[in-house]
Amino acid sequence: MSYPPCILSTNLHLKRAIPYVGSYVQQPFQEYLEKQKQHLHRKPGVAVAHDASFLQTVFGYILLVMVVYFLVSIIHSMAQHHAKRLQQHKDTTSEHRPKSD
C-alpha cells in the first residue's frame, strides 16, 4: 500500500503540532518514512542497509517492557493463588486439631 506524498507531509506537519513533543517526534517518523521509501523503491539486486532507526529501537524496548510486565503479573498472580491455598489448608488443619486445654 502506498500513500500520496501530500498525505504523508500533512501527517508529519500535524505531528509537529503536538504540544511539547511534536518537534521531537516528527524527525524520527520522517527518517523512518524516507528509509522505507528507499527500501521499497530500490532497483532489483541493490542491497539496502537494515539498520534499526531510533523509532524501531524505542518501540522494541516498549514491547519488551510490556512482555516482561505481563510475565511478572502472571507469576505474581500464581504466587498469590498459591499463598491463599496454603493459608486455607493451614486453617482447615488447625480447625480439625483437638484443643488441649
N, C-alpha and C. Protein backbone atom coordinates (compact mmCIF):
# COMPACT_ATOMS: atom_id res chain seq x y z
N MET A 1 0.84 -1.16 0.00
CA MET A 1 0.00 0.00 0.00
C MET A 1 0.90 1.23 0.00
N SER A 2 0.50 2.20 -0.74
CA SER A 2 1.29 3.41 -0.88
C SER A 2 0.40 4.63 -0.57
N TYR A 3 1.00 5.60 0.08
CA TYR A 3 0.27 6.82 0.42
C TYR A 3 0.82 7.97 -0.40
N PRO A 4 -0.04 8.86 -0.85
CA PRO A 4 0.42 10.02 -1.61
C PRO A 4 1.30 10.91 -0.73
N PRO A 5 2.30 11.53 -1.32
CA PRO A 5 3.21 12.39 -0.54
C PRO A 5 2.51 13.54 0.18
N CYS A 6 1.42 14.04 -0.39
CA CYS A 6 0.73 15.17 0.26
C CYS A 6 0.10 14.72 1.58
N ILE A 7 -0.41 13.50 1.64
CA ILE A 7 -0.99 13.00 2.88
C ILE A 7 0.10 12.77 3.93
N LEU A 8 1.23 12.23 3.49
CA LEU A 8 2.34 12.00 4.42
C LEU A 8 2.90 13.31 4.96
N SER A 9 3.04 14.29 4.09
CA SER A 9 3.58 15.57 4.57
C SER A 9 2.59 16.25 5.52
N THR A 10 1.30 16.13 5.25
CA THR A 10 0.28 16.68 6.16
C THR A 10 0.35 15.97 7.50
N ASN A 11 0.50 14.66 7.47
CA ASN A 11 0.60 13.88 8.71
C ASN A 11 1.83 14.30 9.51
N LEU A 12 2.96 14.50 8.84
CA LEU A 12 4.17 14.92 9.54
C LEU A 12 4.02 16.32 10.14
N HIS A 13 3.36 17.21 9.41
CA HIS A 13 3.15 18.57 9.94
C HIS A 13 2.19 18.56 11.13
N LEU A 14 1.21 17.66 11.11
CA LEU A 14 0.29 17.55 12.25
C LEU A 14 1.01 17.01 13.48
N LYS A 15 1.97 16.12 13.27
CA LYS A 15 2.75 15.60 14.41
C LYS A 15 3.54 16.73 15.06
N ARG A 16 4.00 17.68 14.27
CA ARG A 16 4.76 18.80 14.80
C ARG A 16 3.89 19.67 15.72
N ALA A 17 2.57 19.64 15.50
CA ALA A 17 1.66 20.47 16.28
C ALA A 17 1.36 19.88 17.66
N ILE A 18 1.82 18.65 17.92
CA ILE A 18 1.60 18.04 19.24
C ILE A 18 2.39 18.85 20.28
N PRO A 19 1.73 19.29 21.34
CA PRO A 19 2.43 20.11 22.34
C PRO A 19 3.61 19.36 22.98
N TYR A 20 4.68 20.07 23.19
CA TYR A 20 5.88 19.64 23.90
C TYR A 20 6.73 18.61 23.15
N VAL A 21 6.14 17.62 22.52
CA VAL A 21 6.92 16.55 21.91
C VAL A 21 6.82 16.51 20.40
N GLY A 22 6.02 17.35 19.81
CA GLY A 22 5.79 17.29 18.38
C GLY A 22 7.04 17.42 17.54
N SER A 23 7.89 18.38 17.86
CA SER A 23 9.11 18.57 17.07
C SER A 23 10.08 17.41 17.23
N TYR A 24 10.04 16.76 18.39
CA TYR A 24 10.93 15.61 18.63
C TYR A 24 10.41 14.35 17.96
N VAL A 25 9.12 14.24 17.80
CA VAL A 25 8.51 13.06 17.21
C VAL A 25 8.55 13.12 15.69
N GLN A 26 8.46 14.30 15.14
CA GLN A 26 8.37 14.45 13.69
C GLN A 26 9.63 13.93 13.00
N GLN A 27 10.80 14.26 13.49
CA GLN A 27 12.04 13.88 12.82
C GLN A 27 12.23 12.37 12.72
N PRO A 28 12.06 11.57 13.79
CA PRO A 28 12.22 10.12 13.62
C PRO A 28 11.21 9.51 12.65
N PHE A 29 9.97 10.00 12.66
CA PHE A 29 8.99 9.49 11.71
C PHE A 29 9.38 9.83 10.27
N GLN A 30 9.89 11.02 10.07
CA GLN A 30 10.29 11.42 8.74
C GLN A 30 11.47 10.57 8.25
N GLU A 31 12.44 10.32 9.12
CA GLU A 31 13.57 9.47 8.76
C GLU A 31 13.11 8.05 8.45
N TYR A 32 12.19 7.54 9.25
CA TYR A 32 11.67 6.19 9.02
C TYR A 32 10.97 6.10 7.67
N LEU A 33 10.14 7.09 7.35
CA LEU A 33 9.42 7.07 6.07
C LEU A 33 10.39 7.17 4.89
N GLU A 34 11.46 7.96 5.02
CA GLU A 34 12.45 8.06 3.96
C GLU A 34 13.16 6.73 3.74
N LYS A 35 13.52 6.05 4.83
CA LYS A 35 14.18 4.75 4.70
C LYS A 35 13.24 3.72 4.07
N GLN A 36 11.97 3.76 4.45
CA GLN A 36 11.00 2.85 3.86
C GLN A 36 10.85 3.12 2.37
N LYS A 37 10.81 4.40 2.00
CA LYS A 37 10.67 4.76 0.59
C LYS A 37 11.88 4.26 -0.20
N GLN A 38 13.09 4.44 0.35
CA GLN A 38 14.30 3.97 -0.32
C GLN A 38 14.27 2.45 -0.44
N HIS A 39 13.82 1.79 0.60
CA HIS A 39 13.77 0.33 0.60
C HIS A 39 12.76 -0.19 -0.42
N LEU A 40 11.61 0.44 -0.51
CA LEU A 40 10.56 -0.04 -1.41
C LEU A 40 10.81 0.34 -2.88
N HIS A 41 11.54 1.42 -3.11
CA HIS A 41 11.76 1.90 -4.47
C HIS A 41 13.16 1.58 -4.98
N ARG A 42 13.80 0.62 -4.41
CA ARG A 42 15.16 0.26 -4.85
C ARG A 42 15.08 -0.59 -6.11
N LYS A 43 16.18 -0.63 -6.83
CA LYS A 43 16.24 -1.45 -8.04
C LYS A 43 16.56 -2.88 -7.65
N PRO A 44 16.08 -3.84 -8.39
CA PRO A 44 16.36 -5.24 -8.06
C PRO A 44 17.86 -5.52 -8.05
N GLY A 45 18.28 -6.25 -7.04
CA GLY A 45 19.69 -6.60 -6.91
C GLY A 45 20.50 -5.63 -6.09
N VAL A 46 19.94 -4.47 -5.76
CA VAL A 46 20.65 -3.48 -4.95
C VAL A 46 20.34 -3.74 -3.48
N ALA A 47 21.38 -3.91 -2.69
CA ALA A 47 21.19 -4.18 -1.26
C ALA A 47 20.94 -2.88 -0.51
N VAL A 48 20.10 -2.97 0.49
CA VAL A 48 19.78 -1.82 1.34
C VAL A 48 20.18 -2.17 2.76
N ALA A 49 20.80 -1.23 3.43
CA ALA A 49 21.21 -1.46 4.83
C ALA A 49 19.98 -1.64 5.70
N HIS A 50 20.05 -2.57 6.62
CA HIS A 50 18.93 -2.86 7.51
C HIS A 50 19.21 -2.38 8.92
N ASP A 51 19.68 -1.18 9.07
CA ASP A 51 19.93 -0.65 10.41
C ASP A 51 18.63 -0.19 11.04
N ALA A 52 18.53 -0.40 12.33
CA ALA A 52 17.30 -0.04 13.05
C ALA A 52 17.30 1.46 13.34
N SER A 53 16.17 2.08 13.11
CA SER A 53 16.05 3.50 13.41
C SER A 53 15.78 3.68 14.90
N PHE A 54 15.86 4.91 15.33
CA PHE A 54 15.60 5.24 16.74
C PHE A 54 14.18 4.83 17.11
N LEU A 55 13.25 5.06 16.20
CA LEU A 55 11.85 4.76 16.44
C LEU A 55 11.64 3.25 16.61
N GLN A 56 12.28 2.44 15.77
CA GLN A 56 12.16 1.00 15.90
C GLN A 56 12.76 0.51 17.21
N THR A 57 13.87 1.10 17.62
CA THR A 57 14.50 0.73 18.88
C THR A 57 13.60 1.04 20.05
N VAL A 58 13.00 2.22 20.05
CA VAL A 58 12.10 2.62 21.14
C VAL A 58 10.90 1.68 21.20
N PHE A 59 10.28 1.41 20.06
CA PHE A 59 9.12 0.51 20.05
C PHE A 59 9.52 -0.90 20.48
N GLY A 60 10.72 -1.33 20.13
CA GLY A 60 11.21 -2.64 20.56
C GLY A 60 11.34 -2.72 22.07
N TYR A 61 11.89 -1.67 22.67
CA TYR A 61 12.02 -1.65 24.14
C TYR A 61 10.66 -1.57 24.82
N ILE A 62 9.75 -0.81 24.26
CA ILE A 62 8.40 -0.72 24.84
C ILE A 62 7.74 -2.10 24.80
N LEU A 63 7.87 -2.80 23.68
CA LEU A 63 7.30 -4.14 23.57
C LEU A 63 7.94 -5.09 24.57
N LEU A 64 9.25 -5.00 24.73
CA LEU A 64 9.95 -5.86 25.69
C LEU A 64 9.47 -5.60 27.12
N VAL A 65 9.30 -4.34 27.49
CA VAL A 65 8.81 -4.00 28.83
C VAL A 65 7.40 -4.53 29.02
N MET A 66 6.55 -4.45 28.01
CA MET A 66 5.19 -4.95 28.13
C MET A 66 5.17 -6.46 28.32
N VAL A 67 6.01 -7.19 27.62
CA VAL A 67 6.06 -8.64 27.76
C VAL A 67 6.57 -9.03 29.14
N VAL A 68 7.62 -8.35 29.61
CA VAL A 68 8.16 -8.65 30.94
C VAL A 68 7.13 -8.34 32.02
N TYR A 69 6.43 -7.21 31.88
CA TYR A 69 5.38 -6.87 32.85
C TYR A 69 4.28 -7.93 32.86
N PHE A 70 3.90 -8.40 31.69
CA PHE A 70 2.88 -9.43 31.58
C PHE A 70 3.33 -10.71 32.29
N LEU A 71 4.57 -11.13 32.06
CA LEU A 71 5.08 -12.33 32.71
C LEU A 71 5.16 -12.17 34.23
N VAL A 72 5.63 -11.02 34.69
CA VAL A 72 5.72 -10.77 36.13
C VAL A 72 4.33 -10.77 36.75
N SER A 73 3.35 -10.20 36.08
CA SER A 73 1.99 -10.18 36.63
C SER A 73 1.41 -11.60 36.71
N ILE A 74 1.72 -12.44 35.73
CA ILE A 74 1.25 -13.83 35.79
C ILE A 74 1.89 -14.57 36.95
N ILE A 75 3.20 -14.40 37.12
CA ILE A 75 3.91 -15.06 38.23
C ILE A 75 3.39 -14.56 39.57
N HIS A 76 3.14 -13.26 39.68
CA HIS A 76 2.61 -12.69 40.92
C HIS A 76 1.23 -13.25 41.23
N SER A 77 0.38 -13.36 40.22
CA SER A 77 -0.95 -13.91 40.42
C SER A 77 -0.88 -15.38 40.86
N MET A 78 0.01 -16.13 40.26
CA MET A 78 0.16 -17.53 40.66
C MET A 78 0.67 -17.64 42.09
N ALA A 79 1.58 -16.75 42.48
CA ALA A 79 2.09 -16.77 43.85
C ALA A 79 1.00 -16.42 44.85
N GLN A 80 0.16 -15.45 44.53
CA GLN A 80 -0.94 -15.09 45.41
C GLN A 80 -1.91 -16.26 45.55
N HIS A 81 -2.22 -16.92 44.47
CA HIS A 81 -3.13 -18.06 44.50
C HIS A 81 -2.54 -19.19 45.35
N HIS A 82 -1.26 -19.44 45.20
CA HIS A 82 -0.60 -20.49 45.97
C HIS A 82 -0.60 -20.14 47.46
N ALA A 83 -0.32 -18.89 47.80
CA ALA A 83 -0.31 -18.47 49.21
C ALA A 83 -1.71 -18.59 49.81
N LYS A 84 -2.72 -18.24 49.04
CA LYS A 84 -4.10 -18.35 49.52
C LYS A 84 -4.46 -19.81 49.77
N ARG A 85 -4.06 -20.68 48.87
CA ARG A 85 -4.33 -22.10 49.03
C ARG A 85 -3.62 -22.67 50.25
N LEU A 86 -2.36 -22.27 50.47
CA LEU A 86 -1.63 -22.72 51.65
C LEU A 86 -2.29 -22.24 52.94
N GLN A 87 -2.75 -20.98 52.95
CA GLN A 87 -3.41 -20.43 54.13
C GLN A 87 -4.72 -21.17 54.41
N GLN A 88 -5.48 -21.48 53.37
CA GLN A 88 -6.72 -22.23 53.56
C GLN A 88 -6.44 -23.63 54.08
N HIS A 89 -5.41 -24.26 53.59
CA HIS A 89 -5.04 -25.59 54.06
C HIS A 89 -4.61 -25.53 55.52
N LYS A 90 -3.86 -24.50 55.87
CA LYS A 90 -3.41 -24.32 57.25
C LYS A 90 -4.60 -24.09 58.18
N ASP A 91 -5.57 -23.30 57.73
CA ASP A 91 -6.75 -23.01 58.54
C ASP A 91 -7.60 -24.27 58.74
N THR A 92 -7.76 -25.07 57.68
CA THR A 92 -8.58 -26.28 57.81
C THR A 92 -7.91 -27.32 58.68
N THR A 93 -6.60 -27.42 58.66
CA THR A 93 -5.92 -28.40 59.51
C THR A 93 -5.92 -27.95 60.96
N SER A 94 -5.89 -26.65 61.21
CA SER A 94 -5.92 -26.18 62.60
C SER A 94 -7.32 -26.31 63.20
N GLU A 95 -8.38 -26.30 62.39
CA GLU A 95 -9.74 -26.47 62.90
C GLU A 95 -10.00 -27.91 63.33
N HIS A 96 -9.39 -28.85 62.66
CA HIS A 96 -9.61 -30.27 62.97
C HIS A 96 -8.71 -30.78 64.08
N ARG A 97 -7.76 -30.00 64.47
CA ARG A 97 -6.85 -30.41 65.54
C ARG A 97 -7.56 -30.25 66.90
N PRO A 98 -7.50 -31.24 67.76
CA PRO A 98 -8.16 -31.10 69.06
C PRO A 98 -7.43 -30.08 69.93
N LYS A 99 -8.24 -29.31 70.66
CA LYS A 99 -7.67 -28.30 71.55
C LYS A 99 -7.22 -28.96 72.84
N SER A 100 -6.05 -28.61 73.29
CA SER A 100 -5.53 -29.17 74.53
C SER A 100 -5.54 -28.09 75.60
N ASP A 101 -6.62 -28.08 76.40
CA ASP A 101 -6.75 -27.09 77.47
C ASP A 101 -6.44 -27.70 78.80
